Amino acid sequence: NLPEAKALLEKEGCKVTQQYNRHSMMFSDPFGMNFH
């Protein structure tokens, strides 16, 4: 569930750095790491 995952990650300080499509996003965490 990407919308739910996005909400949780943003609540925990992550930021969306790129949205590829409605099923795929790149995040940056508060510690300087990136993950898809």
PDB file of all heavy atoms in Angstrom:
ATOM      1  N   ASN A   1       0.850  -1.186   0.000  1.00  0.00           N
ATOM      2  CA  ASN A   1       0.000   0.000   0.000  1.00  0.00           C
ATOM      3  C   ASN A   1       0.889   1.240   0.000  1.00  0.00           C
ATOM      4  O   ASN A   1       1.291   1.720   1.059  1.00  0.00           O
ATOM      5  CB  ASN A   1      -0.916  -0.015   1.225  1.00  0.00           C
ATOM      6  CG  ASN A   1      -1.947   1.090   1.192  1.00  0.00           C
ATOM      7  OD1 ASN A   1      -1.656   2.224   0.784  1.00  0.00           O
ATOM      8  ND2 ASN A   1      -3.151   0.778   1.627  1.00  0.00           N
ATOM      9  N   LEU A   2       1.198   1.752  -1.173  1.00  0.00           N
ATOM     10  CA  LEU A   2       2.119   2.889  -1.277  1.00  0.00           C
ATOM     11  C   LEU A   2       1.581   4.167  -0.631  1.00  0.00           C
ATOM     12  O   LEU A   2       2.341   4.851   0.060  1.00  0.00           O
ATOM     13  CB  LEU A   2       2.529   3.138  -2.730  1.00  0.00           C
ATOM     14  CG  LEU A   2       3.624   4.189  -2.928  1.00  0.00           C
ATOM     15  CD1 LEU A   2       4.893   3.827  -2.168  1.00  0.00           C
ATOM     16  CD2 LEU A   2       3.920   4.371  -4.395  1.00  0.00           C
ATOM     17  N   PRO A   3       0.311   4.531  -0.792  1.00  0.00           N
ATOM     18  CA  PRO A   3      -0.172   5.740  -0.113  1.00  0.00           C
ATOM     19  C   PRO A   3      -0.015   5.669   1.415  1.00  0.00           C
ATOM     20  O   PRO A   3       0.387   6.635   2.065  1.00  0.00           O
ATOM     21  CB  PRO A   3      -1.649   5.832  -0.522  1.00  0.00           C
ATOM     22  CG  PRO A   3      -1.704   5.130  -1.843  1.00  0.00           C
ATOM     23  CD  PRO A   3      -0.715   3.995  -1.709  1.00  0.00           C
ATOM     24  N   GLU A   4      -0.295   4.517   1.984  1.00  0.00           N
ATOM     25  CA  GLU A   4      -0.135   4.339   3.425  1.00  0.00           C
ATOM     26  C   GLU A   4       1.341   4.376   3.817  1.00  0.00           C
ATOM     27  O   GLU A   4       1.711   4.983   4.825  1.00  0.00           O
ATOM     28  CB  GLU A   4      -0.775   3.003   3.836  1.00  0.00           C
ATOM     29  CG  GLU A   4      -0.945   2.840   5.328  1.00  0.00           C
ATOM     30  CD  GLU A   4      -1.680   1.553   5.675  1.00  0.00           C
ATOM     31  OE1 GLU A   4      -2.691   1.247   5.011  1.00  0.00           O
ATOM     32  OE2 GLU A   4      -1.240   0.866   6.615  1.00  0.00           O
ATOM     33  N   ALA A   5       2.186   3.746   3.006  1.00  0.00           N
ATOM     34  CA  ALA A   5       3.634   3.772   3.271  1.00  0.00           C
ATOM     35  C   ALA A   5       4.163   5.200   3.207  1.00  0.00           C
ATOM     36  O   ALA A   5       4.951   5.624   4.060  1.00  0.00           O
ATOM     37  CB  ALA A   5       4.365   2.882   2.275  1.00  0.00           C
ATOM     38  N   LYS A   6       3.733   5.945   2.205  1.00  0.00           N
ATOM     39  CA  LYS A   6       4.153   7.346   2.053  1.00  0.00           C
ATOM     40  C   LYS A   6       3.764   8.162   3.280  1.00  0.00           C
ATOM     41  O   LYS A   6       4.564   8.926   3.814  1.00  0.00           O
ATOM     42  CB  LYS A   6       3.545   7.943   0.791  1.00  0.00           C
ATOM     43  CG  LYS A   6       3.896   9.406   0.589  1.00  0.00           C
ATOM     44  CD  LYS A   6       3.204   9.982  -0.642  1.00  0.00           C
ATOM     45  CE  LYS A   6       3.584  11.443  -0.792  1.00  0.00           C
ATOM     46  NZ  LYS A   6       2.484  12.294  -1.077  1.00  0.00           N
ATOM     47  N   ALA A   7       2.538   8.013   3.736  1.00  0.00           N
ATOM     48  CA  ALA A   7       2.065   8.756   4.905  1.00  0.00           C
ATOM     49  C   ALA A   7       2.914   8.431   6.139  1.00  0.00           C
ATOM     50  O   ALA A   7       3.329   9.330   6.879  1.00  0.00           O
ATOM     51  CB  ALA A   7       0.592   8.459   5.167  1.00  0.00           C
ATOM     52  N   LEU A   8       3.198   7.159   6.349  1.00  0.00           N
ATOM     53  CA  LEU A   8       4.019   6.746   7.496  1.00  0.00           C
ATOM     54  C   LEU A   8       5.433   7.310   7.384  1.00  0.00           C
ATOM     55  O   LEU A   8       5.965   7.873   8.344  1.00  0.00           O
ATOM     56  CB  LEU A   8       4.067   5.222   7.591  1.00  0.00           C
ATOM     57  CG  LEU A   8       5.053   4.662   8.625  1.00  0.00           C
ATOM     58  CD1 LEU A   8       4.643   5.065  10.032  1.00  0.00           C
ATOM     59  CD2 LEU A   8       5.165   3.152   8.493  1.00  0.00           C
ATOM     60  N   LEU A   9       6.043   7.170   6.220  1.00  0.00           N
ATOM     61  CA  LEU A   9       7.413   7.640   6.038  1.00  0.00           C
ATOM     62  C   LEU A   9       7.514   9.156   6.208  1.00  0.00           C
ATOM     63  O   LEU A   9       8.451   9.650   6.856  1.00  0.00           O
ATOM     64  CB  LEU A   9       7.947   7.200   4.676  1.00  0.00           C
ATOM     65  CG  LEU A   9       8.147   5.692   4.531  1.00  0.00           C
ATOM     66  CD1 LEU A   9       8.395   5.326   3.077  1.00  0.00           C
ATOM     67  CD2 LEU A   9       9.278   5.204   5.425  1.00  0.00           C
ATOM     68  N   GLU A  10       6.566   9.895   5.652  1.00  0.00           N
ATOM     69  CA  GLU A  10       6.590  11.350   5.816  1.00  0.00           C
ATOM     70  C   GLU A  10       6.382  11.741   7.284  1.00  0.00           C
ATOM     71  O   GLU A  10       7.023  12.669   7.777  1.00  0.00           O
ATOM     72  CB  GLU A  10       5.545  12.006   4.915  1.00  0.00           C
ATOM     73  CG  GLU A  10       5.941  11.966   3.455  1.00  0.00           C
ATOM     74  CD  GLU A  10       4.944  12.603   2.525  1.00  0.00           C
ATOM     75  OE1 GLU A  10       3.720  12.551   2.794  1.00  0.00           O
ATOM     76  OE2 GLU A  10       5.384  13.150   1.502  1.00  0.00           O
ATOM     77  N   LYS A  11       5.535  11.023   7.987  1.00  0.00           N
ATOM     78  CA  LYS A  11       5.314  11.277   9.416  1.00  0.00           C
ATOM     79  C   LYS A  11       6.615  11.078  10.194  1.00  0.00           C
ATOM     80  O   LYS A  11       6.881  11.771  11.177  1.00  0.00           O
ATOM     81  CB  LYS A  11       4.231  10.338   9.941  1.00  0.00           C
ATOM     82  CG  LYS A  11       3.939  10.487  11.408  1.00  0.00           C
ATOM     83  CD  LYS A  11       2.861   9.512  11.847  1.00  0.00           C
ATOM     84  CE  LYS A  11       2.732   9.557  13.349  1.00  0.00           C
ATOM     85  NZ  LYS A  11       2.767   8.254  13.959  1.00  0.00           N
ATOM     86  N   GLU A  12       7.457  10.159   9.723  1.00  0.00           N
ATOM     87  CA  GLU A  12       8.715   9.849  10.399  1.00  0.00           C
ATOM     88  C   GLU A  12       9.883  10.691   9.877  1.00  0.00           C
ATOM     89  O   GLU A  12      11.035  10.424  10.195  1.00  0.00           O
ATOM     90  CB  GLU A  12       9.029   8.358  10.261  1.00  0.00           C
ATOM     91  CG  GLU A  12       8.041   7.468  10.970  1.00  0.00           C
ATOM     92  CD  GLU A  12       8.005   7.695  12.481  1.00  0.00           C
ATOM     93  OE1 GLU A  12       9.073   7.977  13.073  1.00  0.00           O
ATOM     94  OE2 GLU A  12       6.903   7.582  13.072  1.00  0.00           O
ATOM     95  N   GLY A  13       9.594  11.704   9.063  1.00  0.00           N
ATOM     96  CA  GLY A  13      10.624  12.641   8.634  1.00  0.00           C
ATOM     97  C   GLY A  13      11.217  12.391   7.262  1.00  0.00           C
ATOM     98  O   GLY A  13      12.146  13.098   6.846  1.00  0.00           O
ATOM     99  N   CYS A  14      10.711  11.423   6.537  1.00  0.00           N
ATOM    100  CA  CYS A  14      11.203  11.165   5.185  1.00  0.00           C
ATOM    101  C   CYS A  14      10.558  12.147   4.209  1.00  0.00           C
ATOM    102  O   CYS A  14       9.470  12.669   4.471  1.00  0.00           O
ATOM    103  CB  CYS A  14      10.871   9.730   4.756  1.00  0.00           C
ATOM    104  SG  CYS A  14      11.709   8.472   5.724  1.00  0.00           S
ATOM    105  N   LYS A  15      11.233  12.362   3.089  1.00  0.00           N
ATOM    106  CA  LYS A  15      10.711  13.246   2.049  1.00  0.00           C
ATOM    107  C   LYS A  15      10.698  12.503   0.717  1.00  0.00           C
ATOM    108  O   LYS A  15      11.620  11.748   0.412  1.00  0.00           O
ATOM    109  CB  LYS A  15      11.587  14.487   1.914  1.00  0.00           C
ATOM    110  CG  LYS A  15      11.545  15.403   3.120  1.00  0.00           C
ATOM    111  CD  LYS A  15      12.382  16.622   2.866  1.00  0.00           C
ATOM    112  CE  LYS A  15      12.412  17.654   3.920  1.00  0.00           C
ATOM    113  NZ  LYS A  15      11.953  17.544   5.170  1.00  0.00           N
ATOM    114  N   VAL A  16       9.655  12.735  -0.073  1.00  0.00           N
ATOM    115  CA  VAL A  16       9.610  12.190  -1.425  1.00  0.00           C
ATOM    116  C   VAL A  16      10.548  13.039  -2.273  1.00  0.00           C
ATOM    117  O   VAL A  16      10.414  14.254  -2.333  1.00  0.00           O
ATOM    118  CB  VAL A  16       8.178  12.233  -2.009  1.00  0.00           C
ATOM    119  CG1 VAL A  16       8.185  11.799  -3.473  1.00  0.00           C
ATOM    120  CG2 VAL A  16       7.239  11.368  -1.183  1.00  0.00           C
ATOM    121  N   THR A  17      11.525  12.395  -2.917  1.00  0.00           N
ATOM    122  CA  THR A  17      12.459  13.134  -3.770  1.00  0.00           C
ATOM    123  C   THR A  17      12.131  12.958  -5.244  1.00  0.00           C
ATOM    124  O   THR A  17      12.543  13.765  -6.064  1.00  0.00           O
ATOM    125  CB  THR A  17      13.907  12.702  -3.515  1.00  0.00           C
ATOM    126  OG1 THR A  17      14.027  11.294  -3.752  1.00  0.00           O
ATOM    127  CG2 THR A  17      14.321  13.027  -2.084  1.00  0.00           C
ATOM    128  N   GLN A  18      11.394  11.896  -5.568  1.00  0.00           N
ATOM    129  CA  GLN A  18      10.957  11.694  -6.952  1.00  0.00           C
ATOM    130  C   GLN A  18       9.785  10.729  -6.956  1.00  0.00           C
ATOM    131  O   GLN A  18       9.794   9.722  -6.249  1.00  0.00           O
ATOM    132  CB  GLN A  18      12.086  11.136  -7.808  1.00  0.00           C
ATOM    133  CG  GLN A  18      11.726  11.072  -9.263  1.00  0.00           C
ATOM    134  CD  GLN A  18      12.946  10.872 -10.152  1.00  0.00           C
ATOM    135  OE1 GLN A  18      14.070  10.798  -9.683  1.00  0.00           O
ATOM    136  NE2 GLN A  18      12.723  10.776 -11.438  1.00  0.00           N
ATOM    137  N   GLN A  19       8.792  11.055  -7.755  1.00  0.00           N
ATOM    138  CA  GLN A  19       7.658  10.146  -7.949  1.00  0.00           C
ATOM    139  C   GLN A  19       7.698   9.690  -9.393  1.00  0.00           C
ATOM    140  O   GLN A  19       7.557  10.494 -10.308  1.00  0.00           O
ATOM    141  CB  GLN A  19       6.339  10.826  -7.624  1.00  0.00           C
ATOM    142  CG  GLN A  19       5.174   9.879  -7.771  1.00  0.00           C
ATOM    143  CD  GLN A  19       3.891  10.379  -7.126  1.00  0.00           C
ATOM    144  OE1 GLN A  19       3.898  11.309  -6.339  1.00  0.00           O
ATOM    145  NE2 GLN A  19       2.799   9.718  -7.458  1.00  0.00           N
ATOM    146  N   TYR A  20       7.907   8.395  -9.608  1.00  0.00           N
ATOM    147  CA  TYR A  20       8.004   7.850 -10.958  1.00  0.00           C
ATOM    148  C   TYR A  20       6.632   7.628 -11.570  1.00  0.00           C
ATOM    149  O   TYR A  20       6.418   7.862 -12.741  1.00  0.00           O
ATOM    150  CB  TYR A  20       8.796   6.547 -10.948  1.00  0.00           C
ATOM    151  CG  TYR A  20      10.202   6.737 -10.433  1.00  0.00           C
ATOM    152  CD1 TYR A  20      10.557   6.328  -9.155  1.00  0.00           C
ATOM    153  CD2 TYR A  20      11.168   7.356 -11.216  1.00  0.00           C
ATOM    154  CE1 TYR A  20      11.840   6.508  -8.686  1.00  0.00           C
ATOM    155  CE2 TYR A  20      12.453   7.542 -10.748  1.00  0.00           C
ATOM    156  CZ  TYR A  20      12.782   7.112  -9.471  1.00  0.00           C
ATOM    157  OH  TYR A  20      14.047   7.315  -9.008  1.00  0.00           O
ATOM    158  N   ASN A  21       5.716   7.105 -10.775  1.00  0.00           N
ATOM    159  CA  ASN A  21       4.321   6.927 -11.154  1.00  0.00           C
ATOM    160  C   ASN A  21       3.537   6.705  -9.871  1.00  0.00           C
ATOM    161  O   ASN A  21       4.103   6.815  -8.783  1.00  0.00           O
ATOM    162  CB  ASN A  21       4.138   5.781 -12.174  1.00  0.00           C
ATOM    163  CG  ASN A  21       4.611   4.447 -11.650  1.00  0.00           C
ATOM    164  OD1 ASN A  21       4.286   4.045 -10.532  1.00  0.00           O
ATOM    165  ND2 ASN A  21       5.397   3.747 -12.451  1.00  0.00           N
ATOM    166  N   ARG A  22       2.266   6.387  -9.964  1.00  0.00           N
ATOM    167  CA  ARG A  22       1.474   6.275  -8.734  1.00  0.00           C
ATOM    168  C   ARG A  22       1.830   5.053  -7.889  1.00  0.00           C
ATOM    169  O   ARG A  22       1.373   4.921  -6.755  1.00  0.00           O
ATOM    170  CB  ARG A  22      -0.022   6.310  -9.052  1.00  0.00           C
ATOM    171  CG  ARG A  22      -0.532   5.168  -9.861  1.00  0.00           C
ATOM    172  CD  ARG A  22      -1.997   5.404 -10.249  1.00  0.00           C
ATOM    173  NE  ARG A  22      -2.514   4.268 -10.965  1.00  0.00           N
ATOM    174  CZ  ARG A  22      -3.218   3.295 -10.406  1.00  0.00           C
ATOM    175  NH1 ARG A  22      -3.515   3.344  -9.133  1.00  0.00           N
ATOM    176  NH2 ARG A  22      -3.636   2.279 -11.137  1.00  0.00           N
ATOM    177  N   HIS A  23       2.681   4.183  -8.429  1.00  0.00           N
ATOM    178  CA  HIS A  23       3.094   2.976  -7.711  1.00  0.00           C
ATOM    179  C   HIS A  23       4.560   2.988  -7.303  1.00  0.00           C
ATOM    180  O   HIS A  23       5.063   1.978  -6.815  1.00  0.00           O
ATOM    181  CB  HIS A  23       2.868   1.732  -8.587  1.00  0.00           C
ATOM    182  CG  HIS A  23       1.454   1.515  -8.990  1.00  0.00           C
ATOM    183  ND1 HIS A  23       0.495   1.054  -8.129  1.00  0.00           N
ATOM    184  CD2 HIS A  23       0.838   1.706 -10.176  1.00  0.00           C
ATOM    185  CE1 HIS A  23      -0.653   0.953  -8.771  1.00  0.00           C
ATOM    186  NE2 HIS A  23      -0.477   1.348 -10.010  1.00  0.00           N
ATOM    187  N   SER A  24       5.270   4.104  -7.501  1.00  0.00           N
ATOM    188  CA  SER A  24       6.723   4.079  -7.355  1.00  0.00           C
ATOM    189  C   SER A  24       7.262   5.455  -6.963  1.00  0.00           C
ATOM    190  O   SER A  24       7.067   6.426  -7.698  1.00  0.00           O
ATOM    191  CB  SER A  24       7.318   3.641  -8.707  1.00  0.00           C
ATOM    192  OG  SER A  24       8.709   3.760  -8.716  1.00  0.00           O
ATOM    193  N   MET A  25       7.980   5.506  -5.796  1.00  0.00           N
ATOM    194  CA  MET A  25       8.524   6.773  -5.302  1.00  0.00           C
ATOM    195  C   MET A  25       9.906   6.583  -4.700  1.00  0.00           C
ATOM    196  O   MET A  25      10.189   5.552  -4.100  1.00  0.00           O
ATOM    197  CB  MET A  25       7.635   7.352  -4.200  1.00  0.00           C
ATOM    198  CG  MET A  25       6.285   7.772  -4.631  1.00  0.00           C
ATOM    199  SD  MET A  25       5.363   8.414  -3.206  1.00  0.00           S
ATOM    200  CE  MET A  25       3.754   8.549  -3.951  1.00  0.00           C
ATOM    201  N   MET A  26      10.727   7.610  -4.838  1.00  0.00           N
ATOM    202  CA  MET A  26      12.026   7.650  -4.195  1.00  0.00           C
ATOM    203  C   MET A  26      11.904   8.524  -2.955  1.00  0.00           C
ATOM    204  O   MET A  26      11.274   9.584  -3.005  1.00  0.00           O
ATOM    205  CB  MET A  26      13.075   8.230  -5.145  1.00  0.00           C
ATOM    206  CG  MET A  26      14.469   8.254  -4.577  1.00  0.00           C
ATOM    207  SD  MET A  26      15.208   6.626  -4.402  1.00  0.00           S
ATOM    208  CE  MET A  26      15.558   6.247  -6.102  1.00  0.00           C
ATOM    209  N   PHE A  27      12.488   8.077  -1.850  1.00  0.00           N
ATOM    210  CA  PHE A  27      12.446   8.812  -0.593  1.00  0.00           C
ATOM    211  C   PHE A  27      13.855   9.118  -0.112  1.00  0.00           C
ATOM    212  O   PHE A  27      14.811   8.382  -0.405  1.00  0.00           O
ATOM    213  CB  PHE A  27      11.757   7.971   0.502  1.00  0.00           C
ATOM    214  CG  PHE A  27      10.292   7.799   0.307  1.00  0.00           C
ATOM    215  CD1 PHE A  27       9.804   6.780  -0.487  1.00  0.00           C
ATOM    216  CD2 PHE A  27       9.394   8.659   0.914  1.00  0.00           C
ATOM    217  CE1 PHE A  27       8.444   6.602  -0.665  1.00  0.00           C
ATOM    218  CE2 PHE A  27       8.037   8.501   0.736  1.00  0.00           C
ATOM    219  CZ  PHE A  27       7.554   7.466  -0.052  1.00  0.00           C
ATOM    220  N   SER A  28      13.972  10.177   0.669  1.00  0.00           N
ATOM    221  CA  SER A  28      15.183  10.510   1.402  1.00  0.00           C
ATOM    222  C   SER A  28      14.808  10.429   2.876  1.00  0.00           C
ATOM    223  O   SER A  28      13.799  11.011   3.295  1.00  0.00           O
ATOM    224  CB  SER A  28      15.636  11.924   1.040  1.00  0.00           C
ATOM    225  OG  SER A  28      16.736  12.295   1.827  1.00  0.00           O
ATOM    226  N   ASP A  29      15.596   9.696   3.661  1.00  0.00           N
ATOM    227  CA  ASP A  29      15.270   9.591   5.079  1.00  0.00           C
ATOM    228  C   ASP A  29      15.949  10.722   5.870  1.00  0.00           C
ATOM    229  O   ASP A  29      16.773  11.453   5.321  1.00  0.00           O
ATOM    230  CB  ASP A  29      15.597   8.202   5.619  1.00  0.00           C
ATOM    231  CG  ASP A  29      17.077   7.906   5.768  1.00  0.00           C
ATOM    232  OD1 ASP A  29      17.895   8.847   5.810  1.00  0.00           O
ATOM    233  OD2 ASP A  29      17.429   6.721   5.856  1.00  0.00           O
ATOM    234  N   PRO A  30      15.620  10.881   7.148  1.00  0.00           N
ATOM    235  CA  PRO A  30      16.208  11.972   7.925  1.00  0.00           C
ATOM    236  C   PRO A  30      17.709  11.808   8.186  1.00  0.00           C
ATOM    237  O   PRO A  30      18.343  12.703   8.741  1.00  0.00           O
ATOM    238  CB  PRO A  30      15.437  11.929   9.251  1.00  0.00           C
ATOM    239  CG  PRO A  30      14.263  11.062   9.034  1.00  0.00           C
ATOM    240  CD  PRO A  30      14.582  10.172   7.871  1.00  0.00           C
ATOM    241  N   PHE A  31      18.276  10.687   7.782  1.00  0.00           N
ATOM    242  CA  PHE A  31      19.675  10.390   8.080  1.00  0.00           C
ATOM    243  C   PHE A  31      20.575  10.492   6.856  1.00  0.00           C
ATOM    244  O   PHE A  31      21.746  10.140   6.900  1.00  0.00           O
ATOM    245  CB  PHE A  31      19.772   8.985   8.707  1.00  0.00           C
ATOM    246  CG  PHE A  31      18.688   8.767   9.723  1.00  0.00           C
ATOM    247  CD1 PHE A  31      17.584   7.993   9.415  1.00  0.00           C
ATOM    248  CD2 PHE A  31      18.737   9.389  10.958  1.00  0.00           C
ATOM    249  CE1 PHE A  31      16.558   7.819  10.325  1.00  0.00           C
ATOM    250  CE2 PHE A  31      17.716   9.225  11.878  1.00  0.00           C
ATOM    251  CZ  PHE A  31      16.629   8.438  11.561  1.00  0.00           C
ATOM    252  N   GLY A  32      20.002  10.941   5.724  1.00  0.00           N
ATOM    253  CA  GLY A  32      20.786  11.163   4.518  1.00  0.00           C
ATOM    254  C   GLY A  32      20.797  10.020   3.519  1.00  0.00           C
ATOM    255  O   GLY A  32      21.490  10.085   2.519  1.00  0.00           O
ATOM    256  N   MET A  33      20.039   8.972   3.783  1.00  0.00           N
ATOM    257  CA  MET A  33      19.989   7.838   2.861  1.00  0.00           C
ATOM    258  C   MET A  33      18.770   7.965   1.956  1.00  0.00           C
ATOM    259  O   MET A  33      17.761   8.539   2.329  1.00  0.00           O
ATOM    260  CB  MET A  33      19.915   6.514   3.632  1.00  0.00           C
ATOM    261  CG  MET A  33      21.115   6.250   4.505  1.00  0.00           C
ATOM    262  SD  MET A  33      22.665   6.171   3.584  1.00  0.00           S
ATOM    263  CE  MET A  33      22.388   4.766   2.546  1.00  0.00           C
ATOM    264  N   ASN A  34      18.881   7.387   0.762  1.00  0.00           N
ATOM    265  CA  ASN A  34      17.782   7.355  -0.194  1.00  0.00           C
ATOM    266  C   ASN A  34      17.343   5.915  -0.407  1.00  0.00           C
ATOM    267  O   ASN A  34      18.168   5.001  -0.366  1.00  0.00           O
ATOM    268  CB  ASN A  34      18.222   7.947  -1.533  1.00  0.00           C
ATOM    269  CG  ASN A  34      18.583   9.395  -1.399  1.00  0.00           C
ATOM    270  OD1 ASN A  34      17.744  10.224  -1.052  1.00  0.00           O
ATOM    271  ND2 ASN A  34      19.835   9.737  -1.651  1.00  0.00           N
ATOM    272  N   PHE A  35      16.051   5.728  -0.632  1.00  0.00           N
ATOM    273  CA  PHE A  35      15.543   4.398  -0.952  1.00  0.00           C
ATOM    274  C   PHE A  35      14.291   4.528  -1.798  1.00  0.00           C
ATOM    275  O   PHE A  35      13.593   5.523  -1.767  1.00  0.00           O
ATOM    276  CB  PHE A  35      15.290   3.557   0.306  1.00  0.00           C
ATOM    277  CG  PHE A  35      14.371   4.197   1.308  1.00  0.00           C
ATOM    278  CD1 PHE A  35      13.010   3.968   1.264  1.00  0.00           C
ATOM    279  CD2 PHE A  35      14.880   5.017   2.298  1.00  0.00           C
ATOM    280  CE1 PHE A  35      12.161   4.556   2.190  1.00  0.00           C
ATOM    281  CE2 PHE A  35      14.047   5.610   3.229  1.00  0.00           C
ATOM    282  CZ  PHE A  35      12.684   5.380   3.180  1.00  0.00           C
ATOM    283  N   HIS A  36      14.037   3.491  -2.553  1.00  0.00           N
ATOM    284  CA  HIS A  36      12.910   3.428  -3.481  1.00  0.00           C
ATOM    285  C   HIS A  36      11.843   2.532  -2.868  1.00  0.00           C
ATOM    286  O   HIS A  36      12.151   1.467  -2.355  1.00  0.00           O
ATOM    287  CB  HIS A  36      13.415   2.842  -4.803  1.00  0.00           C
ATOM    288  CG  HIS A  36      12.359   2.701  -5.841  1.00  0.00           C
ATOM    289  ND1 HIS A  36      12.249   1.578  -6.619  1.00  0.00           N
ATOM    290  CD2 HIS A  36      11.368   3.528  -6.240  1.00  0.00           C
ATOM    291  CE1 HIS A  36      11.232   1.726  -7.461  1.00  0.00           C
ATOM    292  NE2 HIS A  36      10.689   2.894  -7.248  1.00  0.00           N
TER     293      HIS A  36
END
